[in-house]
C-alpha atoms as a PDB file:
ATOM      1  CA  MET A   1      89.156  81.069  72.928  1.00  0.00           C
ATOM      2  CA  LYS A   2      89.413  81.409  76.706  1.00  0.00           C
ATOM      3  CA  GLN A   3      92.178  83.970  76.282  1.00  0.00           C
ATOM      4  CA  ILE A   4      90.024  86.042  73.923  1.00  0.00           C
ATOM      5  CA  THR A   5      87.090  85.941  76.326  1.00  0.00           C
ATOM      6  CA  PHE A   6      89.410  87.007  79.170  1.00  0.00           C
ATOM      7  CA  ALA A   7      90.823  89.934  77.219  1.00  0.00           C
ATOM      8  CA  LEU A   8      87.439  91.163  76.050  1.00  0.00           C
ATOM      9  CA  LEU A   9      86.063  91.054  79.573  1.00  0.00           C
ATOM     10  CA  VAL A  10      88.966  93.113  80.889  1.00  0.00           C
ATOM     11  CA  MET A  11      88.956  95.663  78.089  1.00  0.00           C
ATOM     12  CA  GLY A  12      85.180  95.885  77.855  1.00  0.00           C
ATOM     13  CA  LEU A  13      85.145  95.413  74.083  1.00  0.00           C
ATOM     14  CA  ASN A  14      81.933  94.371  72.379  1.00  0.00           C
ATOM     15  CA  LEU A  15      83.131  92.640  69.221  1.00  0.00           C
ATOM     16  CA  SER A  16      81.768  89.948  66.982  1.00  0.00           C
ATOM     17  CA  LEU A  17      84.608  87.536  66.328  1.00  0.00           C
ATOM     18  CA  ALA A  18      84.754  85.965  62.922  1.00  0.00           C
ATOM     19  CA  PRO A  19      86.332  82.500  62.705  1.00  0.00           C
ATOM     20  CA  GLY A  20      89.472  84.017  61.237  1.00  0.00           C
ATOM     21  CA  ALA A  21      89.885  86.230  64.278  1.00  0.00           C
ATOM     22  CA  LEU A  22      91.048  83.273  66.358  1.00  0.00           C
ATOM     23  CA  GLN A  23      94.503  83.645  64.826  1.00  0.00           C
ATOM     24  CA  ALA A  24      95.001  86.679  67.074  1.00  0.00           C
ATOM     25  CA  GLU A  25      95.068  84.452  70.161  1.00  0.00           C
ATOM     26  CA  PRO A  26      98.909  84.117  70.363  1.00  0.00           C
ATOM     27  CA  ASN A  27      99.242  87.924  70.453  1.00  0.00           C
ATOM     28  CA  LEU A  28      96.747  88.140  73.277  1.00  0.00           C
ATOM     29  CA  ALA A  29      98.694  85.486  75.144  1.00  0.00           C
ATOM     30  CA  LYS A  30     101.847  87.577  74.811  1.00  0.00           C
ATOM     31  CA  ALA A  31      99.993  90.642  76.031  1.00  0.00           C
ATOM     32  CA  LYS A  32      98.774  88.766  79.089  1.00  0.00           C
ATOM     33  CA  GLN A  33     102.329  87.708  79.901  1.00  0.00           C
ATOM     34  CA  ALA A  34     103.632  91.257  79.493  1.00  0.00           C
ATOM     35  CA  VAL A  35     101.001  92.903  81.724  1.00  0.00           C
ATOM     36  CA  PRO A  36     100.176  91.220  85.066  1.00  0.00           C
ATOM     37  CA  ALA A  37      96.509  90.357  85.409  1.00  0.00           C
ATOM     38  CA  LYS A  38      96.272  92.369  88.630  1.00  0.00           C
ATOM     39  CA  LYS A  39      97.064  95.514  86.638  1.00  0.00           C
ATOM     40  CA  LEU A  40      94.607  94.675  83.870  1.00  0.00           C
ATOM     41  CA  PHE A  41      91.856  94.315  86.449  1.00  0.00           C
ATOM     42  CA  GLY A  42      93.094  96.758  89.069  1.00  0.00           C
ATOM     43  CA  PHE A  43      93.088  99.848  86.861  1.00  0.00           C
ATOM     44  CA  VAL A  44      89.621  99.311  85.352  1.00  0.00           C
ATOM     45  CA  LEU A  45      87.125 101.722  86.898  1.00  0.00           C
ATOM     46  CA  ASP A  46      83.787 100.362  85.708  1.00  0.00           C
ATOM     47  CA  LYS A  47      81.995  97.045  85.289  1.00  0.00           C
ATOM     48  CA  ALA A  48      81.893  94.896  82.170  1.00  0.00           C
ATOM     49  CA  ALA A  49      78.511  95.661  80.611  1.00  0.00           C
ATOM     50  CA  LEU A  50      77.484  92.023  80.354  1.00  0.00           C
ATOM     51  CA  LYS A  51      74.964  89.751  82.008  1.00  0.00           C
ATOM     52  CA  ALA A  52      75.846  89.252  85.675  1.00  0.00           C
ATOM     53  CA  LYS A  53      78.056  86.197  86.026  1.00  0.00           C
ATOM     54  CA  ALA A  54      80.672  84.958  88.494  1.00  0.00           C
ATOM     55  CA  ILE A  55      83.444  83.290  86.534  1.00  0.00           C
ATOM     56  CA  GLY A  56      86.114  80.866  87.746  1.00  0.00           C
ATOM     57  CA  TYR A  57      86.936  80.462  91.418  1.00  0.00           C
ATOM     58  CA  TYR A  58      87.230  82.710  94.460  1.00  0.00           C
ATOM     59  CA  THR A  59      91.026  82.925  94.129  1.00  0.00           C
ATOM     60  CA  ARG A  60      91.206  82.749  90.333  1.00  0.00           C
ATOM     61  CA  GLY A  61      88.298  84.342  88.575  1.00  0.00           C
ATOM     62  CA  CYS A  62      86.542  87.462  87.378  1.00  0.00           C
ATOM     63  CA  LEU A  63      83.151  89.152  87.366  1.00  0.00           C
ATOM     64  CA  ALA A  64      80.840  90.158  84.540  1.00  0.00           C
ATOM     65  CA  GLY A  65      77.940  92.545  85.050  1.00  0.00           C
ATOM     66  CA  GLY A  66      79.055  93.565  88.530  1.00  0.00           C
ATOM     67  CA  GLN A  67      76.982  95.867  90.715  1.00  0.00           C
ATOM     68  CA  ALA A  68      78.324  98.600  92.972  1.00  0.00           C
ATOM     69  CA  LEU A  69      77.194  98.637  96.579  1.00  0.00           C
ATOM     70  CA  ALA A  70      75.809 102.047  97.480  1.00  0.00           C
ATOM     71  CA  VAL A  71      78.358 104.004  99.497  1.00  0.00           C
ATOM     72  CA  ASP A  72      75.708 104.715 102.139  1.00  0.00           C
ATOM     73  CA  GLY A  73      72.650 102.729 103.077  1.00  0.00           C
ATOM     74  CA  PRO A  74      70.098 102.712 105.878  1.00  0.00           C
ATOM     75  CA  ALA A  75      72.219 100.243 107.824  1.00  0.00           C
ATOM     76  CA  TRP A  76      75.710 100.346 106.320  1.00  0.00           C
ATOM     77  CA  GLN A  77      78.583 102.530 105.157  1.00  0.00           C
ATOM     78  CA  ALA A  78      81.252 101.449 102.682  1.00  0.00           C
ATOM     79  CA  MET A  79      84.876 101.994 103.689  1.00  0.00           C
ATOM     80  CA  ARG A  80      88.142 102.635 101.798  1.00  0.00           C
ATOM     81  CA  LEU A  81      86.335 104.147  98.821  1.00  0.00           C
ATOM     82  CA  SER A  82      89.577 105.028  97.027  1.00  0.00           C
ATOM     83  CA  ARG A  83      90.167 101.322  96.389  1.00  0.00           C
ATOM     84  CA  ASN A  84      87.014 101.022  94.251  1.00  0.00           C
ATOM     85  CA  ARG A  85      86.341  97.602  95.722  1.00  0.00           C
ATOM     86  CA  ASN A  86      82.673  98.025  96.568  1.00  0.00           C
ATOM     87  CA  TRP A  87      81.613  95.875  93.591  1.00  0.00           C
ATOM     88  CA  GLY A  88      80.071  92.439  93.634  1.00  0.00           C
ATOM     89  CA  HIS A  89      77.724  90.010  91.993  1.00  0.00           C
ATOM     90  CA  PRO A  90      74.136  91.307  92.359  1.00  0.00           C
ATOM     91  CA  LYS A  91      73.477  88.338  94.665  1.00  0.00           C
ATOM     92  CA  LEU A  92      76.194  89.572  97.031  1.00  0.00           C
ATOM     93  CA  ILE A  93      74.861  93.141  97.002  1.00  0.00           C
ATOM     94  CA  SER A  94      71.362  91.887  97.747  1.00  0.00           C
ATOM     95  CA  TYR A  95      72.653  89.734 100.595  1.00  0.00           C
ATOM     96  CA  LEU A  96      74.591  92.592 102.200  1.00  0.00           C
ATOM     97  CA  GLU A  97      71.612  94.929 102.076  1.00  0.00           C
ATOM     98  CA  ARG A  98      69.353  92.350 103.737  1.00  0.00           C
ATOM     99  CA  PHE A  99      71.995  91.323 106.271  1.00  0.00           C
ATOM    100  CA  ALA A 100      72.676  94.936 107.282  1.00  0.00           C
ATOM    101  CA  LYS A 101      68.984  95.662 107.701  1.00  0.00           C
ATOM    102  CA  GLN A 102      68.420  92.582 109.864  1.00  0.00           C
ATOM    103  CA  VAL A 103      71.338  93.163 112.255  1.00  0.00           C
ATOM    104  CA  LYS A 104      70.111  96.693 112.855  1.00  0.00           C
ATOM    105  CA  GLU A 105      66.444  95.821 113.312  1.00  0.00           C
ATOM    106  CA  GLN A 106      66.728  92.463 115.077  1.00  0.00           C
ATOM    107  CA  ASP A 107      70.136  92.396 116.791  1.00  0.00           C
ATOM    108  CA  GLY A 108      70.533  95.979 117.976  1.00  0.00           C
ATOM    109  CA  TRP A 109      73.744  96.511 115.944  1.00  0.00           C
ATOM    110  CA  PRO A 110      74.052 100.138 114.751  1.00  0.00           C
ATOM    111  CA  GLY A 111      74.938  99.076 111.220  1.00  0.00           C
ATOM    112  CA  LEU A 112      77.735  97.555 109.159  1.00  0.00           C
ATOM    113  CA  LEU A 113      81.051  99.040 108.091  1.00  0.00           C
ATOM    114  CA  ILE A 114      81.699  97.207 104.846  1.00  0.00           C
ATOM    115  CA  GLY A 115      85.249  96.755 103.617  1.00  0.00           C
ATOM    116  CA  ASP A 116      86.494  95.138 100.431  1.00  0.00           C
ATOM    117  CA  LEU A 117      84.144  93.271  98.127  1.00  0.00           C
ATOM    118  CA  SER A 118      85.589  92.979  94.609  1.00  0.00           C
ATOM    119  CA  GLN A 119      86.883  95.220  91.857  1.00  0.00           C
ATOM    120  CA  PRO A 120      84.468  96.294  89.072  1.00  0.00           C
ATOM    121  CA  ARG A 121      85.397  93.235  87.030  1.00  0.00           C
ATOM    122  CA  GLY A 122      86.700  91.100  89.850  1.00  0.00           C
ATOM    123  CA  GLY A 123      90.041  89.469  89.186  1.00  0.00           C
ATOM    124  CA  PRO A 124      93.284  89.723  91.171  1.00  0.00           C
ATOM    125  CA  MET A 125      93.886  92.927  93.087  1.00  0.00           C
ATOM    126  CA  LEU A 126      96.860  95.254  93.034  1.00  0.00           C
ATOM    127  CA  THR A 127      97.282  94.764  96.787  1.00  0.00           C
ATOM    128  CA  GLY A 128      95.911  92.473  99.434  1.00  0.00           C
ATOM    129  CA  HIS A 129      93.542  89.587  98.864  1.00  0.00           C
ATOM    130  CA  ARG A 130      94.094  86.376  96.955  1.00  0.00           C
ATOM    131  CA  SER A 131      90.359  85.773  96.907  1.00  0.00           C
ATOM    132  CA  HIS A 132      87.528  88.305  96.301  1.00  0.00           C
ATOM    133  CA  GLN A 133      87.990  87.682  92.576  1.00  0.00           C
ATOM    134  CA  MET A 134      84.499  86.797  91.326  1.00  0.00           C
ATOM    135  CA  GLY A 135      82.209  89.036  93.334  1.00  0.00           C
ATOM    136  CA  LEU A 136      81.060  86.596  96.000  1.00  0.00           C
ATOM    137  CA  ASP A 137      83.333  87.619  98.926  1.00  0.00           C
ATOM    138  CA  ALA A 138      82.860  90.472 101.395  1.00  0.00           C
ATOM    139  CA  ASP A 139      84.817  91.803 104.375  1.00  0.00           C
ATOM    140  CA  ILE A 140      82.695  93.176 107.214  1.00  0.00           C
ATOM    141  CA  TRP A 141      84.484  95.176 109.881  1.00  0.00           C
ATOM    142  CA  LEU A 142      83.879  94.188 113.480  1.00  0.00           C
ATOM    143  CA  ASN A 143      83.570  97.844 114.500  1.00  0.00           C
ATOM    144  CA  PRO A 144      79.943  98.938 114.863  1.00  0.00           C
ATOM    145  CA  MET A 145      78.902 101.686 112.478  1.00  0.00           C
ATOM    146  CA  PRO A 146      78.898 105.149 114.116  1.00  0.00           C
ATOM    147  CA  ASN A 147      75.611 107.026 114.379  1.00  0.00           C
ATOM    148  CA  ARG A 148      76.664 109.591 111.788  1.00  0.00           C
ATOM    149  CA  ARG A 149      77.832 109.592 108.217  1.00  0.00           C
ATOM    150  CA  LEU A 150      81.606 109.305 107.954  1.00  0.00           C
ATOM    151  CA  THR A 151      83.456 111.713 105.682  1.00  0.00           C
ATOM    152  CA  ALA A 152      85.453 110.450 102.716  1.00  0.00           C
ATOM    153  CA  LYS A 153      88.649 111.169 104.664  1.00  0.00           C
ATOM    154  CA  GLU A 154      87.434 109.262 107.714  1.00  0.00           C
ATOM    155  CA  ARG A 155      86.625 106.262 105.557  1.00  0.00           C
ATOM    156  CA  GLU A 156      90.222 106.195 104.416  1.00  0.00           C
ATOM    157  CA  GLU A 157      91.865 106.837 107.789  1.00  0.00           C
ATOM    158  CA  THR A 158      89.602 105.122 110.338  1.00  0.00           C
ATOM    159  CA  SER A 159      91.121 101.842 111.476  1.00  0.00           C
ATOM    160  CA  ALA A 160      89.312  98.587 111.992  1.00  0.00           C
ATOM    161  CA  ILE A 161      89.655  97.351 115.586  1.00  0.00           C
ATOM    162  CA  SER A 162      91.292  94.043 116.454  1.00  0.00           C
ATOM    163  CA  MET A 163      89.213  91.804 118.672  1.00  0.00           C
ATOM    164  CA  LEU A 164      92.270  90.082 120.202  1.00  0.00           C
ATOM    165  CA  ASP A 165      94.120  90.705 123.446  1.00  0.00           C
ATOM    166  CA  ARG A 166      97.888  91.073 123.641  1.00  0.00           C
ATOM    167  CA  THR A 167      98.489  87.316 123.550  1.00  0.00           C
ATOM    168  CA  GLY A 168      96.762  86.970 120.214  1.00  0.00           C
ATOM    169  CA  LEU A 169      95.092  83.819 121.538  1.00  0.00           C
ATOM    170  CA  LYS A 170      91.969  85.277 123.172  1.00  0.00           C
ATOM    171  CA  VAL A 171      89.421  87.945 122.440  1.00  0.00           C
ATOM    172  CA  ASN A 172      89.784  91.219 124.278  1.00  0.00           C
ATOM    173  CA  SER A 173      86.840  91.623 126.659  1.00  0.00           C
ATOM    174  CA  LYS A 174      87.192  95.409 126.396  1.00  0.00           C
ATOM    175  CA  VAL A 175      86.101  95.366 122.734  1.00  0.00           C
ATOM    176  CA  TRP A 176      84.450  91.959 122.232  1.00  0.00           C
ATOM    177  CA  SER A 177      80.824  91.636 123.281  1.00  0.00           C
ATOM    178  CA  SER A 178      77.726  89.479 123.004  1.00  0.00           C
ATOM    179  CA  SER A 179      76.620  91.772 120.180  1.00  0.00           C
ATOM    180  CA  HIS A 180      79.480  90.472 118.033  1.00  0.00           C
ATOM    181  CA  VAL A 181      78.173  86.947 118.583  1.00  0.00           C
ATOM    182  CA  LYS A 182      74.728  88.000 117.357  1.00  0.00           C
ATOM    183  CA  VAL A 183      76.098  89.723 114.259  1.00  0.00           C
ATOM    184  CA  ILE A 184      78.297  86.804 113.198  1.00  0.00           C
ATOM    185  CA  LYS A 185      75.484  84.355 113.856  1.00  0.00           C
ATOM    186  CA  ARG A 186      73.140  86.487 111.764  1.00  0.00           C
ATOM    187  CA  ALA A 187      75.638  86.424 108.895  1.00  0.00           C
ATOM    188  CA  THR A 188      75.399  82.626 108.738  1.00  0.00           C
ATOM    189  CA  GLN A 189      71.599  82.460 108.732  1.00  0.00           C
ATOM    190  CA  PHE A 190      71.172  83.047 105.013  1.00  0.00           C
ATOM    191  CA  PRO A 191      71.145  79.930 102.798  1.00  0.00           C
ATOM    192  CA  GLU A 192      73.391  81.536 100.168  1.00  0.00           C
ATOM    193  CA  VAL A 193      76.256  81.900 102.676  1.00  0.00           C
ATOM    194  CA  GLN A 194      78.815  79.123 102.413  1.00  0.00           C
ATOM    195  CA  ARG A 195      81.220  80.138 105.159  1.00  0.00           C
ATOM    196  CA  VAL A 196      82.277  83.001 107.392  1.00  0.00           C
ATOM    197  CA  LEU A 197      86.001  83.275 108.125  1.00  0.00           C
ATOM    198  CA  VAL A 198      87.226  84.592 111.491  1.00  0.00           C
ATOM    199  CA  HIS A 199      90.377  84.332 113.598  1.00  0.00           C
ATOM    200  CA  PRO A 200      90.636  81.062 115.617  1.00  0.00           C
ATOM    201  CA  ALA A 201      90.371  83.009 118.898  1.00  0.00           C
ATOM    202  CA  ILE A 202      87.090  84.523 117.704  1.00  0.00           C
ATOM    203  CA  LYS A 203      85.835  81.087 116.704  1.00  0.00           C
ATOM    204  CA  LYS A 204      86.675  79.840 120.205  1.00  0.00           C
ATOM    205  CA  ALA A 205      84.808  82.743 121.804  1.00  0.00           C
ATOM    206  CA  LEU A 206      81.792  81.968 119.618  1.00  0.00           C
ATOM    207  CA  CYS A 207      81.894  78.294 120.640  1.00  0.00           C
ATOM    208  CA  GLN A 208      81.931  79.287 124.291  1.00  0.00           C
ATOM    209  CA  ALA A 209      79.062  81.758 123.894  1.00  0.00           C
ATOM    210  CA  ALA A 210      76.816  79.567 121.747  1.00  0.00           C
ATOM    211  CA  GLY A 211      75.834  77.121 124.480  1.00  0.00           C
ATOM    212  CA  ASP A 212      73.812  74.223 123.068  1.00  0.00           C
ATOM    213  CA  ASP A 213      72.873  76.158 119.927  1.00  0.00           C
ATOM    214  CA  LYS A 214      75.979  75.372 117.886  1.00  0.00           C
ATOM    215  CA  GLY A 215      74.558  74.290 114.539  1.00  0.00           C
ATOM    216  CA  TRP A 216      75.269  77.656 112.889  1.00  0.00           C
ATOM    217  CA  LEU A 217      78.943  77.422 113.858  1.00  0.00           C
ATOM    218  CA  ARG A 218      79.593  74.903 111.082  1.00  0.00           C
ATOM    219  CA  LYS A 219      79.726  77.808 108.651  1.00  0.00           C
ATOM    220  CA  VAL A 220      82.113  79.813 110.844  1.00  0.00           C
ATOM    221  CA  ARG A 221      85.629  78.710 109.917  1.00  0.00           C
ATOM    222  CA  PRO A 222      88.894  79.723 111.610  1.00  0.00           C
ATOM    223  CA  TRP A 223      91.535  81.271 109.395  1.00  0.00           C
ATOM    224  CA  TRP A 224      94.726  83.319 109.651  1.00  0.00           C
ATOM    225  CA  GLY A 225      94.208  87.012 110.338  1.00  0.00           C
ATOM    226  CA  HIS A 226      90.527  87.972 110.312  1.00  0.00           C
ATOM    227  CA  HIS A 227      90.515  89.483 113.803  1.00  0.00           C
ATOM    228  CA  TYR A 228      89.610  92.971 112.512  1.00  0.00           C
ATOM    229  CA  HIS A 229      86.851  91.765 110.232  1.00  0.00           C
ATOM    230  CA  MET A 230      84.867  88.720 109.210  1.00  0.00           C
ATOM    231  CA  HIS A 231      85.056  87.429 105.668  1.00  0.00           C
ATOM    232  CA  ILE A 232      81.727  86.284 104.240  1.00  0.00           C
ATOM    233  CA  ARG A 233      81.697  83.983 101.208  1.00  0.00           C
ATOM    234  CA  LEU A 234      78.608  83.137  99.199  1.00  0.00           C
ATOM    235  CA  LYS A 235      78.005  79.900  97.334  1.00  0.00           C
ATOM    236  CA  CYS A 236      78.500  79.838  93.591  1.00  0.00           C
ATOM    237  CA  THR A 237      75.282  78.637  91.959  1.00  0.00           C
ATOM    238  CA  GLU A 238      76.196  79.246  88.316  1.00  0.00           C
ATOM    239  CA  PRO A 239      77.819  76.851  85.827  1.00  0.00           C
ATOM    240  CA  SER A 240      80.415  79.526  85.050  1.00  0.00           C
ATOM    241  CA  CYS A 241      82.021  79.282  88.484  1.00  0.00           C
ATOM    242  CA  LYS A 242      83.110  76.691  91.011  1.00  0.00           C
ATOM    243  CA  SER A 243      81.963  76.753  94.613  1.00  0.00           C
ATOM    244  CA  GLN A 244      84.158  75.864  97.558  1.00  0.00           C
ATOM    245  CA  GLY A 245      83.449  72.526  99.185  1.00  0.00           C
ATOM    246  CA  ALA A 246      80.966  72.419 102.035  1.00  0.00           C
ATOM    247  CA  PRO A 247      82.441  72.993 105.510  1.00  0.00           C
ATOM    248  CA  PRO A 248      83.318  69.807 107.433  1.00  0.00           C
ATOM    249  CA  ALA A 249      80.472  68.266 109.400  1.00  0.00           C
ATOM    250  CA  GLY A 250      79.995  69.400 112.994  1.00  0.00           C
ATOM    251  CA  ASP A 251      80.362  72.725 114.740  1.00  0.00           C
ATOM    252  CA  GLY A 252      84.167  72.863 114.464  1.00  0.00           C
ATOM    253  CA  CYS A 253      84.565  73.570 118.190  1.00  0.00           C
ATOM    254  CA  GLY A 254      86.556  70.446 119.079  1.00  0.00           C
ATOM    255  CA  LYS A 255      89.651  68.898 117.542  1.00  0.00           C
ATOM    256  CA  GLN A 256      89.506  71.123 114.461  1.00  0.00           C
ATOM    257  CA  LEU A 257      89.826  74.219 116.613  1.00  0.00           C
ATOM    258  CA  ASP A 258      92.442  72.632 118.882  1.00  0.00           C
ATOM    259  CA  HIS A 259      94.583  72.062 115.795  1.00  0.00           C
ATOM    260  CA  TRP A 260      94.487  75.774 114.983  1.00  0.00           C
ATOM    261  CA  PHE A 261      95.738  76.705 118.436  1.00  0.00           C
ATOM    262  CA  LYS A 262      98.613  74.266 118.014  1.00  0.00           C
ATOM    263  CA  LEU A 263      99.511  76.128 114.831  1.00  0.00           C
ATOM    264  CA  LEU A 264      99.240  79.494 116.574  1.00  0.00           C
ATOM    265  CA  THR A 265     101.477  78.463 119.481  1.00  0.00           C
ATOM    266  CA  ARG A 266     104.050  76.346 117.682  1.00  0.00           C
ATOM    267  CA  LYS A 267     107.671  77.396 117.917  1.00  0.00           C
ATOM    268  CA  VAL A 268     109.094  78.411 114.579  1.00  0.00           C
ATOM    269  CA  THR A 269     112.815  77.782 114.129  1.00  0.00           C
ATOM    270  CA  PRO A 270     114.356  80.908 112.617  1.00  0.00           C
ATOM    271  CA  LYS A 271     116.192  80.519 109.354  1.00  0.00           C
ATOM    272  CA  PRO A 272     119.961  81.011 109.718  1.00  0.00           C
ATOM    273  CA  LYS A 273     121.684  83.708 107.718  1.00  0.00           C
ATOM    274  CA  CYS A 274     123.649  82.020 104.953  1.00  0.00           C
ATOM    275  CA  LEU A 275     125.625  82.827 101.857  1.00  0.00           C
ATOM    276  CA  ALA A 276     123.397  83.586  98.889  1.00  0.00           C
ATOM    277  CA  GLY A 277     121.843  80.421  97.514  1.00  0.00           C
ATOM    278  CA  SER A 278     123.146  78.174 100.309  1.00  0.00           C
ATOM    279  CA  LEU A 279     120.053  78.004 102.577  1.00  0.00           C
ATOM    280  CA  LYS A 280     118.563  74.499 102.470  1.00  0.00           C
ATOM    281  CA  LYS A 281     115.674  72.775 104.196  1.00  0.00           C
ATOM    282  CA  LYS A 282     116.614  69.774 106.347  1.00  0.00           C
ATOM    283  CA  GLY A 283     113.981  67.918 108.325  1.00  0.00           C
ATOM    284  CA  LYS A 284     112.118  70.476 110.425  1.00  0.00           C
ATOM    285  CA  GLY A 285     114.977  72.955 110.345  1.00  0.00           C
ATOM    286  CA  TRP A 286     117.306  74.760 107.970  1.00  0.00           C
ATOM    287  CA  ILE A 287     121.005  74.460 107.226  1.00  0.00           C
ATOM    288  CA  CYS A 288     123.590  76.488 105.389  1.00  0.00           C
ATOM    289  CA  ASN A 289     124.646  74.138 102.629  1.00  0.00           C
ATOM    290  CA  CYS A 290     128.273  75.207 102.372  1.00  0.00           C
ATOM    291  CA  SER A 291     131.559  74.337 104.067  1.00  0.00           C
ATOM    292  CA  LYS A 292     132.010  75.065 107.771  1.00  0.00           C
ATOM    293  CA  LYS A 293     134.845  77.415 106.940  1.00  0.00           C
ATOM    294  CA  LEU A 294     132.652  79.473 104.614  1.00  0.00           C
ATOM    295  CA  LYS A 295     129.890  79.511 107.220  1.00  0.00           C
ATOM    296  CA  ARG A 296     132.227  80.932 109.846  1.00  0.00           C
ATOM    297  CA  ILE A 297     133.466  83.547 107.410  1.00  0.00           C
ATOM    298  CA  ALA A 298     129.935  84.520 106.355  1.00  0.00           C
ATOM    299  CA  LEU A 299     128.196  84.269 109.709  1.00  0.00           C
ATOM    300  CA  GLY A 300     130.857  84.980 112.320  1.00  0.00           C
ATOM    301  CA  LYS A 301     131.934  82.852 115.287  1.00  0.00           C
ATOM    302  CA  LYS A 302     128.726  83.420 117.254  1.00  0.00           C
ATOM    303  CA  SER A 303     126.504  82.246 114.415  1.00  0.00           C
ATOM    304  CA  TRP A 304     124.066  79.401 114.967  1.00  0.00           C
ATOM    305  CA  TYR A 305     124.689  76.201 113.041  1.00  0.00           C
ATOM    306  CA  PRO A 306     121.482  74.103 112.967  1.00  0.00           C
ATOM    307  CA  GLU A 307     123.365  70.925 112.118  1.00  0.00           C
ATOM    308  CA  SER A 308     125.659  71.240 115.178  1.00  0.00           C
END
């Protein structure tokens, strides 16, 4: 029955299934195997005309009754319109509209450039994200909105700006400012927000700027990438979906953050070039699992042998 529900949601069919119709389930299963889910969802242009519902999980789910974020608002502009990823659960759309209005009126931020939300029916995307699948995730660029309406071409070609310096371990003081701290803090102030993902270097800069007021930083979590934008995730409050666990207790500015910088600065042993199928993991390194003679033939005399 789950497979039938899945297929109907994707195709947008409004059918009444008689008990005998369940025998069609094996055929639907075959169809799902033949066509990747990302194509079933990625090529659909409009929402499923059903009651709004987030279904599944952030990285494995879909969206019924999605709502499109307006391309332009009083305090935001949607970017990358050709992707058709400005869809979300109505709760997400409502949050973004209120968040954008507050940062403009109370924090002096010109407005939000809003990146990917979800596809019209959620689900896996043709490119990019693993999450954003049930309409409760949003990417907000860290560029301030310009004081004019961007053209459709500009929305496709304008680049988000990285907040990092050349080391990749600190924010760049030429682009990072106290205004970014205010905007990210504002994002966390709504009860429906579960976490805000940013690069570890941005998290560190926030910890340093927050002073004694660090309670809001619990929701700000370090994660790979996320130095061009922040990723906002709302809680799931419906029985049809599963919410992510609450962030660990504390502000996350101590040992948790230190661990991330160890990951960022660790030395990665390169994998040796081996004969096809002969590369094997051994301890913390890699070996070519074939005879030394074959290794020398395949790799040449100057090749590196991790077991030597």
